[in-house]
């Protein structure tokens, strides 16, 4: 499956893999940045925390976009 974020390069194909893994009875989830988060006691806990993580990252990206728009508007309004 091809997935592209606004900050990703146009090159390459990215495949979705299993993000929640069990190691020694503890659950972890992986991010696109190749970071592991955990441990969690159950798969459900890990999946819930993964959903929260994705939501936070989406909100942060939207906030960055909004900040860029505000800066561009401010720059335009200060031009003589």
Protein backbone atom coordinates (compact mmCIF):
# COMPACT_ATOMS: atom_id res chain seq x y z
CA UNK A 1 0.00 0.00 0.00
CA UNK A 2 1.39 3.40 -0.95
CA UNK A 3 1.14 6.02 1.80
CA UNK A 4 2.54 9.53 1.52
CA UNK A 5 2.69 12.31 4.09
CA UNK A 6 3.07 15.95 3.08
CA UNK A 7 6.67 15.95 4.36
CA UNK A 8 7.69 12.73 2.53
CA UNK A 9 9.69 12.69 -0.68
CA UNK A 10 7.88 11.80 -3.90
CA UNK A 11 10.13 8.78 -4.49
CA UNK A 12 9.67 5.28 -3.24
CA UNK A 13 6.88 2.92 -2.35
CA UNK A 14 6.01 2.46 1.30
CA UNK A 15 4.33 -0.68 2.54
CA UNK A 16 2.24 -0.81 5.70
CA UNK A 17 3.40 -3.48 8.14
CA UNK A 18 2.15 -4.76 11.45
CA UNK A 19 2.75 -1.94 13.93
CA UNK A 20 1.97 -3.78 17.18
CA UNK A 21 4.38 -6.55 18.16
CA UNK A 22 4.72 -8.81 21.18
CA UNK A 23 8.15 -9.38 22.74
CA UNK A 24 8.47 -11.55 25.85
CA UNK A 25 4.77 -11.11 26.63
CA UNK A 26 4.88 -7.30 26.38
CA UNK A 27 3.43 -5.28 23.52
CA UNK A 28 5.10 -2.45 21.61
CA UNK A 29 4.11 -0.33 18.62
CA UNK A 30 6.39 1.07 15.93
CA UNK A 31 6.19 4.50 14.31
CA UNK A 32 7.21 5.61 10.82
CA UNK A 33 10.23 7.23 12.41
CA UNK A 34 11.41 3.72 13.41
CA UNK A 35 10.82 4.29 17.11
CA UNK A 36 9.29 1.69 19.42
CA UNK A 37 6.83 2.71 22.15
CA UNK A 38 5.94 0.52 25.09
CA UNK A 39 5.85 -1.83 26.81
CA UNK A 40 2.11 -2.32 27.22
CA UNK A 41 0.46 -5.19 29.07
CA UNK A 42 -2.11 -6.03 26.38
CA UNK A 43 -2.42 -5.70 22.61
CA UNK A 44 -5.52 -3.56 23.16
CA UNK A 45 -3.53 -1.11 25.31
CA UNK A 46 -0.83 -0.87 22.64
CA UNK A 47 -3.39 -0.35 19.87
CA UNK A 48 -5.17 2.33 21.92
CA UNK A 49 -1.90 4.16 22.59
CA UNK A 50 -1.00 3.86 18.90
CA UNK A 51 -4.31 5.49 17.94
CA UNK A 52 -3.62 8.32 20.40
CA UNK A 53 -0.11 8.74 19.01
CA UNK A 54 -1.40 8.98 15.42
CA UNK A 55 -4.03 11.50 16.51
CA UNK A 56 -1.39 13.66 18.26
CA UNK A 57 0.87 13.56 15.18
CA UNK A 58 -2.01 14.57 12.90
CA UNK A 59 -2.92 17.46 15.21
CA UNK A 60 0.71 18.60 15.34
CA UNK A 61 0.92 18.56 11.53
CA UNK A 62 -2.32 20.57 11.28
CA UNK A 63 -0.97 23.05 13.84
CA UNK A 64 2.26 23.46 11.88
CA UNK A 65 0.26 24.11 8.71
CA UNK A 66 -1.87 26.67 10.51
CA UNK A 67 1.24 28.40 11.91
CA UNK A 68 2.75 28.63 8.43
CA UNK A 69 -0.46 30.16 7.09
CA UNK A 70 -0.52 32.75 9.89
CA UNK A 71 3.12 33.67 9.26
CA UNK A 72 2.47 34.07 5.53
CA UNK A 73 -0.55 36.29 6.20
CA UNK A 74 1.44 38.40 8.67
CA UNK A 75 4.27 38.81 6.15
CA UNK A 76 1.80 39.92 3.46
CA UNK A 77 0.07 42.42 5.74
CA UNK A 78 3.39 44.10 6.67
CA UNK A 79 4.55 44.69 3.10
CA UNK A 80 4.51 48.35 2.04
